[in-house]
Amino acid sequence: MEKKSYVKVKCHECGNEQNVFGRASTEVKCTKCNAVLALPTGGKAHIKAEIIELI
Protein backbone atom coordinates (compact mmCIF):
# COMPACT_ATOMS: atom_id res chain seq x y z
CA MET A 1 0.00 0.00 0.00
CA GLU A 2 1.34 3.42 -0.97
CA LYS A 3 1.97 5.83 1.90
CA LYS A 4 0.28 9.24 1.53
CA SER A 5 2.63 12.06 2.50
CA TYR A 6 0.89 15.17 1.16
CA VAL A 7 -2.42 16.66 2.24
CA LYS A 8 -4.63 18.95 0.16
CA VAL A 9 -6.05 21.61 2.50
CA LYS A 10 -8.46 24.53 2.25
CA CYS A 11 -7.66 27.76 4.09
CA HIS A 12 -10.35 28.80 6.60
CA GLU A 13 -9.63 32.49 5.98
CA CYS A 14 -9.76 32.82 2.17
CA GLY A 15 -10.76 29.39 0.81
CA ASN A 16 -7.49 28.90 -1.10
CA GLU A 17 -6.58 25.24 -1.68
CA GLN A 18 -2.97 24.08 -1.57
CA ASN A 19 -0.88 20.98 -0.91
CA VAL A 20 0.98 20.63 2.38
CA PHE A 21 3.62 18.05 3.31
CA GLY A 22 2.18 15.88 6.09
CA ARG A 23 5.41 15.98 8.11
CA ALA A 24 6.24 19.66 7.64
CA SER A 25 9.25 20.80 9.69
CA THR A 26 8.41 24.50 9.40
CA GLU A 27 5.25 26.54 9.75
CA VAL A 28 3.22 26.43 6.51
CA LYS A 29 1.27 29.54 5.55
CA CYS A 30 -1.40 30.18 2.92
CA THR A 31 0.05 31.60 -0.28
CA LYS A 32 -2.87 34.03 -0.66
CA CYS A 33 -3.64 35.43 2.82
CA ASN A 34 -0.65 34.28 4.91
CA ALA A 35 -2.82 32.40 7.46
CA VAL A 36 -1.13 29.46 9.23
CA LEU A 37 -2.16 26.13 7.67
CA ALA A 38 0.17 23.69 9.44
CA LEU A 39 2.50 23.69 12.43
CA PRO A 40 5.50 21.37 12.96
CA THR A 41 5.34 18.92 15.88
CA GLY A 42 8.49 16.84 15.41
CA GLY A 43 6.47 14.18 13.54
CA LYS A 44 3.20 14.61 11.70
CA ALA A 45 2.32 18.27 11.22
CA HIS A 46 -0.63 19.76 13.10
CA ILE A 47 -3.00 20.77 10.28
CA LYS A 48 -5.02 23.87 11.19
CA ALA A 49 -6.92 24.07 7.86
CA GLU A 50 -9.73 21.94 6.45
CA ILE A 51 -8.35 18.68 5.03
CA ILE A 52 -9.79 17.97 1.58
CA GLU A 53 -7.87 14.82 0.58
CA LEU A 54 -4.69 12.80 1.07
CA ILE A 55 -2.46 12.79 -2.00
PDB file of N, CA and C in Angstrom:
ATOM      1  N   MET A   1       0.835  -1.178   0.000  1.00  0.00           N
ATOM      2  CA  MET A   1       0.000   0.000   0.000  1.00  0.00           C
ATOM      3  C   MET A   1       0.883   1.245   0.000  1.00  0.00           C
ATOM      4  N   GLU A   2       0.549   2.198  -0.838  1.00  0.00           N
ATOM      5  CA  GLU A   2       1.336   3.424  -0.966  1.00  0.00           C
ATOM      6  C   GLU A   2       1.056   4.359   0.202  1.00  0.00           C
ATOM      7  N   LYS A   3       2.119   4.917   0.780  1.00  0.00           N
ATOM      8  CA  LYS A   3       1.974   5.831   1.903  1.00  0.00           C
ATOM      9  C   LYS A   3       1.676   7.236   1.388  1.00  0.00           C
ATOM     10  N   LYS A   4       0.660   7.886   1.931  1.00  0.00           N
ATOM     11  CA  LYS A   4       0.283   9.241   1.528  1.00  0.00           C
ATOM     12  C   LYS A   4       1.074  10.236   2.375  1.00  0.00           C
ATOM     13  N   SER A   5       1.821  11.136   1.727  1.00  0.00           N
ATOM     14  CA  SER A   5       2.634  12.063   2.495  1.00  0.00           C
ATOM     15  C   SER A   5       2.241  13.523   2.307  1.00  0.00           C
ATOM     16  N   TYR A   6       1.353  13.803   1.363  1.00  0.00           N
ATOM     17  CA  TYR A   6       0.890  15.170   1.161  1.00  0.00           C
ATOM     18  C   TYR A   6      -0.601  15.259   1.447  1.00  0.00           C
ATOM     19  N   VAL A   7      -1.031  16.428   1.897  1.00  0.00           N
ATOM     20  CA  VAL A   7      -2.422  16.658   2.240  1.00  0.00           C
ATOM     21  C   VAL A   7      -2.896  17.890   1.483  1.00  0.00           C
ATOM     22  N   LYS A   8      -4.038  17.778   0.816  1.00  0.00           N
ATOM     23  CA  LYS A   8      -4.631  18.948   0.163  1.00  0.00           C
ATOM     24  C   LYS A   8      -5.536  19.600   1.196  1.00  0.00           C
ATOM     25  N   VAL A   9      -5.293  20.897   1.479  1.00  0.00           N
ATOM     26  CA  VAL A   9      -6.050  21.607   2.503  1.00  0.00           C
ATOM     27  C   VAL A   9      -6.716  22.847   1.931  1.00  0.00           C
ATOM     28  N   LYS A  10      -7.746  23.313   2.635  1.00  0.00           N
ATOM     29  CA  LYS A  10      -8.461  24.526   2.248  1.00  0.00           C
ATOM     30  C   LYS A  10      -8.350  25.518   3.396  1.00  0.00           C
ATOM     31  N   CYS A  11      -7.851  26.705   3.097  1.00  0.00           N
ATOM     32  CA  CYS A  11      -7.662  27.755   4.091  1.00  0.00           C
ATOM     33  C   CYS A  11      -9.016  28.210   4.641  1.00  0.00           C
ATOM     34  N   HIS A  12      -9.116  28.333   5.966  1.00  0.00           N
ATOM     35  CA  HIS A  12     -10.352  28.799   6.598  1.00  0.00           C
ATOM     36  C   HIS A  12     -10.576  30.288   6.357  1.00  0.00           C
ATOM     37  N   GLU A  13      -9.524  31.032   6.138  1.00  0.00           N
ATOM     38  CA  GLU A  13      -9.630  32.485   5.982  1.00  0.00           C
ATOM     39  C   GLU A  13     -10.103  32.899   4.586  1.00  0.00           C
ATOM     40  N   CYS A  14      -9.473  32.347   3.534  1.00  0.00           N
ATOM     41  CA  CYS A  14      -9.760  32.825   2.174  1.00  0.00           C
ATOM     42  C   CYS A  14     -10.289  31.741   1.233  1.00  0.00           C
ATOM     43  N   GLY A  15     -10.265  30.470   1.653  1.00  0.00           N
ATOM     44  CA  GLY A  15     -10.765  29.391   0.806  1.00  0.00           C
ATOM     45  C   GLY A  15      -9.770  28.860  -0.201  1.00  0.00           C
ATOM     46  N   ASN A  16      -8.533  29.369  -0.184  1.00  0.00           N
ATOM     47  CA  ASN A  16      -7.494  28.897  -1.095  1.00  0.00           C
ATOM     48  C   ASN A  16      -7.155  27.439  -0.791  1.00  0.00           C
ATOM     49  N   GLU A  17      -6.975  26.638  -1.843  1.00  0.00           N
ATOM     50  CA  GLU A  17      -6.577  25.242  -1.685  1.00  0.00           C
ATOM     51  C   GLU A  17      -5.108  25.095  -2.062  1.00  0.00           C
ATOM     52  N   GLN A  18      -4.367  24.353  -1.237  1.00  0.00           N
ATOM     53  CA  GLN A  18      -2.971  24.080  -1.566  1.00  0.00           C
ATOM     54  C   GLN A  18      -2.536  22.778  -0.923  1.00  0.00           C
ATOM     55  N   ASN A  19      -1.433  22.223  -1.421  1.00  0.00           N
ATOM     56  CA  ASN A  19      -0.885  20.978  -0.914  1.00  0.00           C
ATOM     57  C   ASN A  19       0.138  21.275   0.168  1.00  0.00           C
ATOM     58  N   VAL A  20       0.088  20.467   1.240  1.00  0.00           N
ATOM     59  CA  VAL A  20       0.978  20.631   2.384  1.00  0.00           C
ATOM     60  C   VAL A  20       1.627  19.288   2.664  1.00  0.00           C
ATOM     61  N   PHE A  21       2.926  19.285   2.944  1.00  0.00           N
ATOM     62  CA  PHE A  21       3.621  18.052   3.314  1.00  0.00           C
ATOM     63  C   PHE A  21       3.139  17.627   4.695  1.00  0.00           C
ATOM     64  N   GLY A  22       2.753  16.384   4.843  1.00  0.00           N
ATOM     65  CA  GLY A  22       2.177  15.878   6.087  1.00  0.00           C
ATOM     66  C   GLY A  22       3.116  15.874   7.273  1.00  0.00           C
ATOM     67  N   ARG A  23       4.424  15.940   7.027  1.00  0.00           N
ATOM     68  CA  ARG A  23       5.411  15.983   8.109  1.00  0.00           C
ATOM     69  C   ARG A  23       6.246  17.261   7.990  1.00  0.00           C
ATOM     70  N   ALA A  24       5.565  18.362   7.815  1.00  0.00           N
ATOM     71  CA  ALA A  24       6.240  19.655   7.637  1.00  0.00           C
ATOM     72  C   ALA A  24       7.110  19.977   8.849  1.00  0.00           C
ATOM     73  N   SER A  25       8.318  20.464   8.601  1.00  0.00           N
ATOM     74  CA  SER A  25       9.247  20.802   9.688  1.00  0.00           C
ATOM     75  C   SER A  25       9.279  22.310   9.964  1.00  0.00           C
ATOM     76  N   THR A  26       8.539  23.063   9.175  1.00  0.00           N
ATOM     77  CA  THR A  26       8.414  24.502   9.399  1.00  0.00           C
ATOM     78  C   THR A  26       6.940  24.887   9.302  1.00  0.00           C
ATOM     79  N   GLU A  27       6.615  26.041   9.814  1.00  0.00           N
ATOM     80  CA  GLU A  27       5.250  26.537   9.746  1.00  0.00           C
ATOM     81  C   GLU A  27       4.862  26.761   8.285  1.00  0.00           C
ATOM     82  N   VAL A  28       3.705  26.270   7.883  1.00  0.00           N
ATOM     83  CA  VAL A  28       3.224  26.426   6.507  1.00  0.00           C
ATOM     84  C   VAL A  28       2.112  27.460   6.507  1.00  0.00           C
ATOM     85  N   LYS A  29       2.258  28.478   5.629  1.00  0.00           N
ATOM     86  CA  LYS A  29       1.269  29.544   5.546  1.00  0.00           C
ATOM     87  C   LYS A  29       0.580  29.526   4.187  1.00  0.00           C
ATOM     88  N   CYS A  30      -0.630  30.063   4.150  1.00  0.00           N
ATOM     89  CA  CYS A  30      -1.399  30.181   2.917  1.00  0.00           C
ATOM     90  C   CYS A  30      -0.670  31.129   1.970  1.00  0.00           C
ATOM     91  N   THR A  31      -0.644  30.761   0.697  1.00  0.00           N
ATOM     92  CA  THR A  31       0.050  31.596  -0.282  1.00  0.00           C
ATOM     93  C   THR A  31      -0.743  32.849  -0.635  1.00  0.00           C
ATOM     94  N   LYS A  32      -2.033  32.873  -0.336  1.00  0.00           N
ATOM     95  CA  LYS A  32      -2.868  34.032  -0.663  1.00  0.00           C
ATOM     96  C   LYS A  32      -2.989  35.025   0.497  1.00  0.00           C
ATOM     97  N   CYS A  33      -3.344  34.524   1.701  1.00  0.00           N
ATOM     98  CA  CYS A  33      -3.644  35.433   2.816  1.00  0.00           C
ATOM     99  C   CYS A  33      -2.660  35.333   3.983  1.00  0.00           C
ATOM    100  N   ASN A  34      -1.694  34.430   3.902  1.00  0.00           N
ATOM    101  CA  ASN A  34      -0.651  34.278   4.913  1.00  0.00           C
ATOM    102  C   ASN A  34      -1.147  33.688   6.242  1.00  0.00           C
ATOM    103  N   ALA A  35      -2.318  33.068   6.255  1.00  0.00           N
ATOM    104  CA  ALA A  35      -2.821  32.398   7.458  1.00  0.00           C
ATOM    105  C   ALA A  35      -2.031  31.105   7.672  1.00  0.00           C
ATOM    106  N   VAL A  36      -1.862  30.680   8.914  1.00  0.00           N
ATOM    107  CA  VAL A  36      -1.125  29.458   9.230  1.00  0.00           C
ATOM    108  C   VAL A  36      -1.989  28.245   8.897  1.00  0.00           C
ATOM    109  N   LEU A  37      -1.447  27.341   8.075  1.00  0.00           N
ATOM    110  CA  LEU A  37      -2.160  26.131   7.673  1.00  0.00           C
ATOM    111  C   LEU A  37      -1.679  24.899   8.425  1.00  0.00           C
ATOM    112  N   ALA A  38      -0.385  24.853   8.760  1.00  0.00           N
ATOM    113  CA  ALA A  38       0.172  23.689   9.441  1.00  0.00           C
ATOM    114  C   ALA A  38       1.326  24.113  10.341  1.00  0.00           C
ATOM    115  N   LEU A  39       1.433  23.427  11.482  1.00  0.00           N
ATOM    116  CA  LEU A  39       2.502  23.691  12.434  1.00  0.00           C
ATOM    117  C   LEU A  39       3.331  22.427  12.629  1.00  0.00           C
ATOM    118  N   PRO A  40       4.657  22.551  12.751  1.00  0.00           N
ATOM    119  CA  PRO A  40       5.498  21.375  12.964  1.00  0.00           C
ATOM    120  C   PRO A  40       5.333  20.846  14.392  1.00  0.00           C
ATOM    121  N   THR A  41       5.445  19.525  14.547  1.00  0.00           N
ATOM    122  CA  THR A  41       5.342  18.924  15.882  1.00  0.00           C
ATOM    123  C   THR A  41       6.503  17.982  16.181  1.00  0.00           C
ATOM    124  N   GLY A  42       7.400  17.800  15.233  1.00  0.00           N
ATOM    125  CA  GLY A  42       8.486  16.837  15.406  1.00  0.00           C
ATOM    126  C   GLY A  42       8.150  15.505  14.749  1.00  0.00           C
ATOM    127  N   GLY A  43       6.942  15.364  14.248  1.00  0.00           N
ATOM    128  CA  GLY A  43       6.466  14.175  13.541  1.00  0.00           C
ATOM    129  C   GLY A  43       5.476  14.641  12.508  1.00  0.00           C
ATOM    130  N   LYS A  44       4.256  14.138  12.614  1.00  0.00           N
ATOM    131  CA  LYS A  44       3.202  14.608  11.704  1.00  0.00           C
ATOM    132  C   LYS A  44       2.860  16.048  12.039  1.00  0.00           C
ATOM    133  N   ALA A  45       2.654  16.852  11.016  1.00  0.00           N
ATOM    134  CA  ALA A  45       2.324  18.266  11.217  1.00  0.00           C
ATOM    135  C   ALA A  45       0.912  18.401  11.776  1.00  0.00           C
ATOM    136  N   HIS A  46       0.700  19.438  12.580  1.00  0.00           N
ATOM    137  CA  HIS A  46      -0.633  19.756  13.101  1.00  0.00           C
ATOM    138  C   HIS A  46      -1.319  20.625  12.048  1.00  0.00           C
ATOM    139  N   ILE A  47      -2.301  20.065  11.349  1.00  0.00           N
ATOM    140  CA  ILE A  47      -3.001  20.767  10.277  1.00  0.00           C
ATOM    141  C   ILE A  47      -4.098  21.622  10.889  1.00  0.00           C
ATOM    142  N   LYS A  48      -4.038  22.931  10.635  1.00  0.00           N
ATOM    143  CA  LYS A  48      -5.023  23.870  11.188  1.00  0.00           C
ATOM    144  C   LYS A  48      -6.081  24.267  10.170  1.00  0.00           C
ATOM    145  N   ALA A  49      -5.975  23.765   8.943  1.00  0.00           N
ATOM    146  CA  ALA A  49      -6.922  24.068   7.864  1.00  0.00           C
ATOM    147  C   ALA A  49      -7.820  22.861   7.640  1.00  0.00           C
ATOM    148  N   GLU A  50      -8.819  23.033   6.788  1.00  0.00           N
ATOM    149  CA  GLU A  50      -9.728  21.940   6.450  1.00  0.00           C
ATOM    150  C   GLU A  50      -9.013  20.962   5.509  1.00  0.00           C
ATOM    151  N   ILE A  51      -8.978  19.686   5.870  1.00  0.00           N
ATOM    152  CA  ILE A  51      -8.346  18.677   5.027  1.00  0.00           C
ATOM    153  C   ILE A  51      -9.342  18.241   3.969  1.00  0.00           C
ATOM    154  N   ILE A  52      -8.928  18.339   2.698  1.00  0.00           N
ATOM    155  CA  ILE A  52      -9.786  17.970   1.583  1.00  0.00           C
ATOM    156  C   ILE A  52      -9.507  16.522   1.149  1.00  0.00           C
ATOM    157  N   GLU A  53      -8.224  16.193   0.977  1.00  0.00           N
ATOM    158  CA  GLU A  53      -7.870  14.822   0.583  1.00  0.00           C
ATOM    159  C   GLU A  53      -6.404  14.545   0.861  1.00  0.00           C
ATOM    160  N   LEU A  54      -6.072  13.254   0.937  1.00  0.00           N
ATOM    161  CA  LEU A  54      -4.689  12.804   1.068  1.00  0.00           C
ATOM    162  C   LEU A  54      -4.185  12.481  -0.325  1.00  0.00           C
ATOM    163  N   ILE A  55      -3.007  13.028  -0.666  1.00  0.00           N
ATOM    164  CA  ILE A  55      -2.461  12.786  -1.998  1.00  0.00           C
ATOM    165  C   ILE A  55      -1.040  12.281  -1.917  1.00  0.00           C
TER     166      ILE A  55
END
